[in-house]
Amino acid sequence: MRDRHLFSRLALGAVVALAAAACAPRARPLAGAPTPVVKLPSTALPNGARRIVFKWDYREQEGFSARGEGVARIIAPDSARMDFFVDGGFGGGWAILIGDQLTIPGPDFVRRFIPPAAMLWATLGRLTVPAARDTTARVVGDTLRADIGTDPTWRVTFVGPRLTRVERIDGGRIQEWVTRDAETLRYENESAHRTLTLHIERTEEVSGFDSSIWKR
C-alpha cells in the first residue's frame, strides 16, 4: 500500500513538472540577418572591485512575495556576493558565487528566488555559458543575437558591447531568462512562475573587500 501511495505521489509530481514546463513560452526563431563569423563581445568583469546597491522585489504566481534592499559585492575575475535584506526587519539571506560554484547558506526562502549560477552571472553582466560548435548568430542593426548549444540552447542578446538578455531554451521552450538595462535587472523562471527584479540605486568602485565575506 505504501509503495502504491509513493508511486502515486511521484507520478503526480511528474505530471505537475511536465505541466509547468509546457506552460513556458515557445522560443521563436532568431530574427535578423545571418552573420558568418560568430564573435561575441567580451563580458569579463571590470578589473578591481565594485559594490552595487539595489532594491529588490520577488514574486511567485501562487501569491508569495517579498521585497527589500540589497548589495552585490563583485571582484574580478569571477567572485560575487549578494546580500538581501527583507523590508520590515524580517531578516534576509545571501549568496556567494565563485566561478561556477554557487553557495546559498542563508534561509530556505532565499534559495527559492536566487537564480542558478549561469543566470546569476548573467544578471551581473558576465556570460559563463560554455562555447559550442553549433552556435548560430543573427544581426539587426547594433543588436547581435546568438543561439549557443542544443537542449539546452542558450540564447544571448547584445546591444553593442552590452549583454542585455540571456534565455535558457529547453525542448523548444524558454524555461528561464534574464534581462538587463542600466537601471533594472530581471530574472524570470517561466516554468516555476517566479520573478526576481533588482532596481539599481548606485554602483561604486571600491578598493576591495574583507576576505571574511567569501567564507561559506
C-alpha atoms as a PDB file:
ATOM      1  CA  MET A   1       0.000   0.000   0.000  1.00  0.00           C
ATOM      2  CA  ARG A   2       2.808   2.384   0.924  1.00  0.00           C
ATOM      3  CA  ASP A   3       4.577   1.661  -2.350  1.00  0.00           C
ATOM      4  CA  ARG A   4       1.394   2.416  -4.270  1.00  0.00           C
ATOM      5  CA  HIS A   5       0.926   5.726  -2.433  1.00  0.00           C
ATOM      6  CA  LEU A   6       4.573   6.631  -3.028  1.00  0.00           C
ATOM      7  CA  PHE A   7       4.219   5.835  -6.724  1.00  0.00           C
ATOM      8  CA  SER A   8       1.083   7.982  -6.900  1.00  0.00           C
ATOM      9  CA  ARG A   9       2.869  10.941  -5.321  1.00  0.00           C
ATOM     10  CA  LEU A  10       5.837  10.567  -7.661  1.00  0.00           C
ATOM     11  CA  ALA A  11       3.544  10.313 -10.674  1.00  0.00           C
ATOM     12  CA  LEU A  12       1.628  13.399  -9.569  1.00  0.00           C
ATOM     13  CA  GLY A  13       4.893  15.293  -9.142  1.00  0.00           C
ATOM     14  CA  ALA A  14       5.991  14.292 -12.636  1.00  0.00           C
ATOM     15  CA  VAL A  15       2.672  15.435 -14.115  1.00  0.00           C
ATOM     16  CA  VAL A  16       2.920  18.786 -12.318  1.00  0.00           C
ATOM     17  CA  ALA A  17       6.500  19.275 -13.543  1.00  0.00           C
ATOM     18  CA  LEU A  18       5.531  18.453 -17.131  1.00  0.00           C
ATOM     19  CA  ALA A  19       2.540  20.777 -16.972  1.00  0.00           C
ATOM     20  CA  ALA A  20       4.728  23.603 -15.670  1.00  0.00           C
ATOM     21  CA  ALA A  21       7.273  23.050 -18.432  1.00  0.00           C
ATOM     22  CA  ALA A  22       4.510  23.065 -21.026  1.00  0.00           C
ATOM     23  CA  CYS A  23       3.378  26.485 -19.780  1.00  0.00           C
ATOM     24  CA  ALA A  24       6.730  28.009 -20.700  1.00  0.00           C
ATOM     25  CA  PRO A  25       6.512  30.086 -23.914  1.00  0.00           C
ATOM     26  CA  ARG A  26       7.796  28.655 -27.165  1.00  0.00           C
ATOM     27  CA  ALA A  27      11.046  30.090 -28.451  1.00  0.00           C
ATOM     28  CA  ARG A  28      10.786  31.855 -31.794  1.00  0.00           C
ATOM     29  CA  PRO A  29      13.452  31.522 -34.482  1.00  0.00           C
ATOM     30  CA  LEU A  30      16.303  34.015 -34.308  1.00  0.00           C
ATOM     31  CA  ALA A  31      15.451  37.262 -36.071  1.00  0.00           C
ATOM     32  CA  GLY A  32      17.824  39.211 -38.288  1.00  0.00           C
ATOM     33  CA  ALA A  33      20.403  38.643 -40.995  1.00  0.00           C
ATOM     34  CA  PRO A  34      22.751  35.646 -40.586  1.00  0.00           C
ATOM     35  CA  THR A  35      26.324  36.509 -39.678  1.00  0.00           C
ATOM     36  CA  PRO A  36      29.044  34.078 -40.833  1.00  0.00           C
ATOM     37  CA  VAL A  37      31.527  34.841 -38.060  1.00  0.00           C
ATOM     38  CA  VAL A  38      30.298  34.412 -34.500  1.00  0.00           C
ATOM     39  CA  LYS A  39      32.404  36.503 -32.141  1.00  0.00           C
ATOM     40  CA  LEU A  40      30.566  37.558 -29.032  1.00  0.00           C
ATOM     41  CA  PRO A  41      31.622  40.702 -27.164  1.00  0.00           C
ATOM     42  CA  SER A  42      33.699  40.166 -24.040  1.00  0.00           C
ATOM     43  CA  THR A  43      31.738  40.031 -20.794  1.00  0.00           C
ATOM     44  CA  ALA A  44      34.701  39.800 -18.434  1.00  0.00           C
ATOM     45  CA  LEU A  45      34.204  41.633 -15.164  1.00  0.00           C
ATOM     46  CA  PRO A  46      35.907  45.033 -14.991  1.00  0.00           C
ATOM     47  CA  ASN A  47      39.218  44.998 -13.149  1.00  0.00           C
ATOM     48  CA  GLY A  48      39.050  45.730  -9.451  1.00  0.00           C
ATOM     49  CA  ALA A  49      36.103  45.609  -7.080  1.00  0.00           C
ATOM     50  CA  ARG A  50      32.587  47.073  -7.280  1.00  0.00           C
ATOM     51  CA  ARG A  51      29.649  47.418  -4.958  1.00  0.00           C
ATOM     52  CA  ILE A  52      26.123  47.603  -6.371  1.00  0.00           C
ATOM     53  CA  VAL A  53      23.346  48.832  -4.085  1.00  0.00           C
ATOM     54  CA  PHE A  54      19.827  47.884  -5.128  1.00  0.00           C
ATOM     55  CA  LYS A  55      16.229  47.402  -4.118  1.00  0.00           C
ATOM     56  CA  TRP A  56      14.720  44.021  -4.903  1.00  0.00           C
ATOM     57  CA  ASP A  57      11.277  42.556  -5.448  1.00  0.00           C
ATOM     58  CA  TYR A  58      10.398  38.853  -5.611  1.00  0.00           C
ATOM     59  CA  ARG A  59       7.059  37.395  -6.710  1.00  0.00           C
ATOM     60  CA  GLU A  60       5.521  33.977  -7.253  1.00  0.00           C
ATOM     61  CA  GLN A  61       2.367  33.269  -9.212  1.00  0.00           C
ATOM     62  CA  GLU A  62       0.925  31.449  -6.176  1.00  0.00           C
ATOM     63  CA  GLY A  63       0.907  34.728  -4.268  1.00  0.00           C
ATOM     64  CA  PHE A  64       4.079  34.723  -2.161  1.00  0.00           C
ATOM     65  CA  SER A  65       6.117  37.909  -2.483  1.00  0.00           C
ATOM     66  CA  ALA A  66       8.907  39.731  -0.678  1.00  0.00           C
ATOM     67  CA  ARG A  67      10.909  42.883  -1.165  1.00  0.00           C
ATOM     68  CA  GLY A  68      13.713  44.810   0.409  1.00  0.00           C
ATOM     69  CA  GLU A  69      17.190  46.218  -0.099  1.00  0.00           C
ATOM     70  CA  GLY A  70      20.381  44.525  -1.127  1.00  0.00           C
ATOM     71  CA  VAL A  71      24.017  44.862  -2.046  1.00  0.00           C
ATOM     72  CA  ALA A  72      26.207  42.974  -4.510  1.00  0.00           C
ATOM     73  CA  ARG A  73      29.953  42.895  -3.928  1.00  0.00           C
ATOM     74  CA  ILE A  74      31.842  41.884  -7.037  1.00  0.00           C
ATOM     75  CA  ILE A  75      35.536  41.406  -7.673  1.00  0.00           C
ATOM     76  CA  ALA A  76      37.258  40.336 -10.890  1.00  0.00           C
ATOM     77  CA  PRO A  77      37.702  37.878 -12.359  1.00  0.00           C
ATOM     78  CA  ASP A  78      34.907  35.659 -11.018  1.00  0.00           C
ATOM     79  CA  SER A  79      33.705  36.349  -7.471  1.00  0.00           C
ATOM     80  CA  ALA A  80      30.466  37.883  -6.214  1.00  0.00           C
ATOM     81  CA  ARG A  81      28.470  38.009  -3.007  1.00  0.00           C
ATOM     82  CA  MET A  82      24.867  39.174  -2.927  1.00  0.00           C
ATOM     83  CA  ASP A  83      23.051  40.093   0.294  1.00  0.00           C
ATOM     84  CA  PHE A  84      19.278  40.501   0.518  1.00  0.00           C
ATOM     85  CA  PHE A  85      17.562  42.278   3.429  1.00  0.00           C
ATOM     86  CA  VAL A  86      13.787  41.934   3.772  1.00  0.00           C
ATOM     87  CA  ASP A  87      11.758  45.090   4.439  1.00  0.00           C
ATOM     88  CA  GLY A  88      10.367  45.420   7.939  1.00  0.00           C
ATOM     89  CA  GLY A  89      13.347  43.816   9.658  1.00  0.00           C
ATOM     90  CA  PHE A  90      12.266  40.266   8.791  1.00  0.00           C
ATOM     91  CA  GLY A  91      15.809  39.034   8.239  1.00  0.00           C
ATOM     92  CA  GLY A  92      17.424  38.199   4.938  1.00  0.00           C
ATOM     93  CA  GLY A  93      19.975  35.972   3.294  1.00  0.00           C
ATOM     94  CA  TRP A  94      22.936  35.897   0.988  1.00  0.00           C
ATOM     95  CA  ALA A  95      24.572  34.008  -1.864  1.00  0.00           C
ATOM     96  CA  ILE A  96      28.249  33.544  -2.688  1.00  0.00           C
ATOM     97  CA  LEU A  97      29.257  32.919  -6.297  1.00  0.00           C
ATOM     98  CA  ILE A  98      32.848  31.964  -7.076  1.00  0.00           C
ATOM     99  CA  GLY A  99      33.403  30.755 -10.611  1.00  0.00           C
ATOM    100  CA  ASP A 100      30.503  28.413 -11.321  1.00  0.00           C
ATOM    101  CA  GLN A 101      30.098  27.411  -7.664  1.00  0.00           C
ATOM    102  CA  LEU A 102      27.001  28.937  -6.068  1.00  0.00           C
ATOM    103  CA  THR A 103      26.572  28.698  -2.292  1.00  0.00           C
ATOM    104  CA  ILE A 104      23.393  29.862  -0.549  1.00  0.00           C
ATOM    105  CA  PRO A 105      23.911  29.356   3.200  1.00  0.00           C
ATOM    106  CA  GLY A 106      21.042  31.604   4.257  1.00  0.00           C
ATOM    107  CA  PRO A 107      17.389  30.759   4.999  1.00  0.00           C
ATOM    108  CA  ASP A 108      15.490  28.362   2.735  1.00  0.00           C
ATOM    109  CA  PHE A 109      13.266  31.089   1.281  1.00  0.00           C
ATOM    110  CA  VAL A 110      16.345  32.753  -0.228  1.00  0.00           C
ATOM    111  CA  ARG A 111      17.048  29.589  -2.231  1.00  0.00           C
ATOM    112  CA  ARG A 112      13.632  29.979  -3.824  1.00  0.00           C
ATOM    113  CA  PHE A 113      14.492  33.174  -5.654  1.00  0.00           C
ATOM    114  CA  ILE A 114      18.257  33.085  -6.252  1.00  0.00           C
ATOM    115  CA  PRO A 115      18.871  32.140  -9.925  1.00  0.00           C
ATOM    116  CA  PRO A 116      21.247  29.271 -10.788  1.00  0.00           C
ATOM    117  CA  ALA A 117      24.895  30.213 -11.248  1.00  0.00           C
ATOM    118  CA  ALA A 118      24.849  30.862 -15.018  1.00  0.00           C
ATOM    119  CA  MET A 119      21.759  33.067 -14.737  1.00  0.00           C
ATOM    120  CA  LEU A 120      23.043  34.900 -11.668  1.00  0.00           C
ATOM    121  CA  TRP A 121      26.249  35.753 -13.523  1.00  0.00           C
ATOM    122  CA  ALA A 122      24.166  36.883 -16.498  1.00  0.00           C
ATOM    123  CA  THR A 123      22.256  39.190 -14.160  1.00  0.00           C
ATOM    124  CA  LEU A 124      25.589  40.765 -13.252  1.00  0.00           C
ATOM    125  CA  GLY A 125      26.612  41.042 -16.915  1.00  0.00           C
ATOM    126  CA  ARG A 126      29.014  38.101 -17.144  1.00  0.00           C
ATOM    127  CA  LEU A 127      28.307  35.343 -19.663  1.00  0.00           C
ATOM    128  CA  THR A 128      29.574  31.956 -18.458  1.00  0.00           C
ATOM    129  CA  VAL A 129      27.790  29.703 -20.943  1.00  0.00           C
ATOM    130  CA  PRO A 130      30.340  27.292 -22.462  1.00  0.00           C
ATOM    131  CA  ALA A 131      31.191  27.723 -26.128  1.00  0.00           C
ATOM    132  CA  ALA A 132      29.592  25.315 -28.615  1.00  0.00           C
ATOM    133  CA  ARG A 133      30.390  24.441 -32.223  1.00  0.00           C
ATOM    134  CA  ASP A 134      26.773  24.723 -33.289  1.00  0.00           C
ATOM    135  CA  THR A 135      26.480  28.387 -32.319  1.00  0.00           C
ATOM    136  CA  THR A 136      24.432  30.457 -34.777  1.00  0.00           C
ATOM    137  CA  ALA A 137      24.022  34.224 -34.792  1.00  0.00           C
ATOM    138  CA  ARG A 138      21.995  36.949 -36.485  1.00  0.00           C
ATOM    139  CA  VAL A 139      22.322  40.719 -36.543  1.00  0.00           C
ATOM    140  CA  VAL A 140      19.777  43.542 -36.673  1.00  0.00           C
ATOM    141  CA  GLY A 141      21.419  46.974 -36.599  1.00  0.00           C
ATOM    142  CA  ASP A 142      23.561  47.103 -33.457  1.00  0.00           C
ATOM    143  CA  THR A 143      21.836  44.059 -31.924  1.00  0.00           C
ATOM    144  CA  LEU A 144      23.515  40.645 -32.053  1.00  0.00           C
ATOM    145  CA  ARG A 145      21.567  37.521 -31.083  1.00  0.00           C
ATOM    146  CA  ALA A 146      23.143  34.089 -30.844  1.00  0.00           C
ATOM    147  CA  ASP A 147      21.989  30.567 -30.012  1.00  0.00           C
ATOM    148  CA  ILE A 148      24.633  28.508 -28.206  1.00  0.00           C
ATOM    149  CA  GLY A 149      24.304  24.729 -27.918  1.00  0.00           C
ATOM    150  CA  THR A 150      21.310  22.420 -28.150  1.00  0.00           C
ATOM    151  CA  ASP A 151      18.931  21.264 -25.386  1.00  0.00           C
ATOM    152  CA  PRO A 152      19.581  23.393 -23.598  1.00  0.00           C
ATOM    153  CA  THR A 153      20.133  26.240 -26.004  1.00  0.00           C
ATOM    154  CA  TRP A 154      21.394  29.483 -24.526  1.00  0.00           C
ATOM    155  CA  ARG A 155      20.081  32.467 -26.467  1.00  0.00           C
ATOM    156  CA  VAL A 156      22.073  35.627 -25.792  1.00  0.00           C
ATOM    157  CA  THR A 157      21.428  39.195 -26.923  1.00  0.00           C
ATOM    158  CA  PHE A 158      23.964  42.001 -27.119  1.00  0.00           C
ATOM    159  CA  VAL A 159      23.207  45.620 -27.943  1.00  0.00           C
ATOM    160  CA  GLY A 160      26.577  46.944 -28.979  1.00  0.00           C
ATOM    161  CA  PRO A 161      29.039  45.519 -26.439  1.00  0.00           C
ATOM    162  CA  ARG A 162      26.450  45.190 -23.652  1.00  0.00           C
ATOM    163  CA  LEU A 163      24.848  41.888 -22.678  1.00  0.00           C
ATOM    164  CA  THR A 164      21.124  42.651 -22.402  1.00  0.00           C
ATOM    165  CA  ARG A 165      19.360  39.279 -22.346  1.00  0.00           C
ATOM    166  CA  VAL A 166      20.053  35.590 -21.733  1.00  0.00           C
ATOM    167  CA  GLU A 167      17.483  32.813 -22.206  1.00  0.00           C
ATOM    168  CA  ARG A 168      17.708  29.107 -21.451  1.00  0.00           C
ATOM    169  CA  ILE A 169      15.671  27.184 -24.015  1.00  0.00           C
ATOM    170  CA  ASP A 170      14.896  23.509 -23.469  1.00  0.00           C
ATOM    171  CA  GLY A 171      12.512  21.412 -25.527  1.00  0.00           C
ATOM    172  CA  GLY A 172      11.827  24.402 -27.747  1.00  0.00           C
ATOM    173  CA  ARG A 173      10.509  26.477 -24.834  1.00  0.00           C
ATOM    174  CA  ILE A 174      12.001  29.366 -22.874  1.00  0.00           C
ATOM    175  CA  GLN A 175      12.428  27.979 -19.367  1.00  0.00           C
ATOM    176  CA  GLU A 176      14.095  30.989 -17.749  1.00  0.00           C
ATOM    177  CA  TRP A 177      15.587  34.323 -18.770  1.00  0.00           C
ATOM    178  CA  VAL A 178      17.440  37.418 -17.627  1.00  0.00           C
ATOM    179  CA  THR A 179      17.105  40.958 -18.973  1.00  0.00           C
ATOM    180  CA  ARG A 180      19.433  43.842 -18.180  1.00  0.00           C
ATOM    181  CA  ASP A 181      19.426  47.587 -18.679  1.00  0.00           C
ATOM    182  CA  ALA A 182      21.177  50.427 -16.892  1.00  0.00           C
ATOM    183  CA  GLU A 183      18.687  50.567 -14.010  1.00  0.00           C
ATOM    184  CA  THR A 184      16.861  47.228 -13.841  1.00  0.00           C
ATOM    185  CA  LEU A 185      17.948  43.594 -13.756  1.00  0.00           C
ATOM    186  CA  ARG A 186      15.215  40.968 -14.006  1.00  0.00           C
ATOM    187  CA  TYR A 187      15.230  37.190 -13.724  1.00  0.00           C
ATOM    188  CA  GLU A 188      12.170  35.087 -14.514  1.00  0.00           C
ATOM    189  CA  ASN A 189      11.671  31.350 -14.250  1.00  0.00           C
ATOM    190  CA  GLU A 190       8.804  30.653 -16.642  1.00  0.00           C
ATOM    191  CA  SER A 191       8.159  27.062 -15.579  1.00  0.00           C
ATOM    192  CA  ALA A 192       8.205  27.852 -11.838  1.00  0.00           C
ATOM    193  CA  HIS A 193       6.412  31.216 -12.300  1.00  0.00           C
ATOM    194  CA  ARG A 194       8.950  33.113 -10.208  1.00  0.00           C
ATOM    195  CA  THR A 195      10.329  36.598 -10.824  1.00  0.00           C
ATOM    196  CA  LEU A 196      13.179  38.485  -9.148  1.00  0.00           C
ATOM    197  CA  THR A 197      13.734  42.142 -10.065  1.00  0.00           C
ATOM    198  CA  LEU A 198      16.660  44.295  -8.941  1.00  0.00           C
ATOM    199  CA  HIS A 199      16.384  48.078  -9.191  1.00  0.00           C
ATOM    200  CA  ILE A 200      19.896  49.513  -9.147  1.00  0.00           C
ATOM    201  CA  GLU A 201      20.375  52.597  -6.984  1.00  0.00           C
ATOM    202  CA  ARG A 202      24.109  53.096  -7.409  1.00  0.00           C
ATOM    203  CA  THR A 203      27.322  51.372  -8.444  1.00  0.00           C
ATOM    204  CA  GLU A 204      30.568  52.184  -6.654  1.00  0.00           C
ATOM    205  CA  GLU A 205      34.176  51.289  -7.336  1.00  0.00           C
ATOM    206  CA  VAL A 206      35.902  50.275  -4.110  1.00  0.00           C
ATOM    207  CA  SER A 207      39.412  49.302  -3.081  1.00  0.00           C
ATOM    208  CA  GLY A 208      38.413  45.767  -2.102  1.00  0.00           C
ATOM    209  CA  PHE A 209      36.538  43.677   0.446  1.00  0.00           C
ATOM    210  CA  ASP A 210      37.405  41.906   3.668  1.00  0.00           C
ATOM    211  CA  SER A 211      38.276  38.276   2.936  1.00  0.00           C
ATOM    212  CA  SER A 212      35.733  37.103   5.514  1.00  0.00           C
ATOM    213  CA  ILE A 213      32.810  37.817   3.169  1.00  0.00           C
ATOM    214  CA  TRP A 214      33.828  34.866   0.969  1.00  0.00           C
ATOM    215  CA  LYS A 215      33.691  32.311   3.778  1.00  0.00           C
ATOM    216  CA  ARG A 216      30.971  29.759   3.170  1.00  0.00           C
END
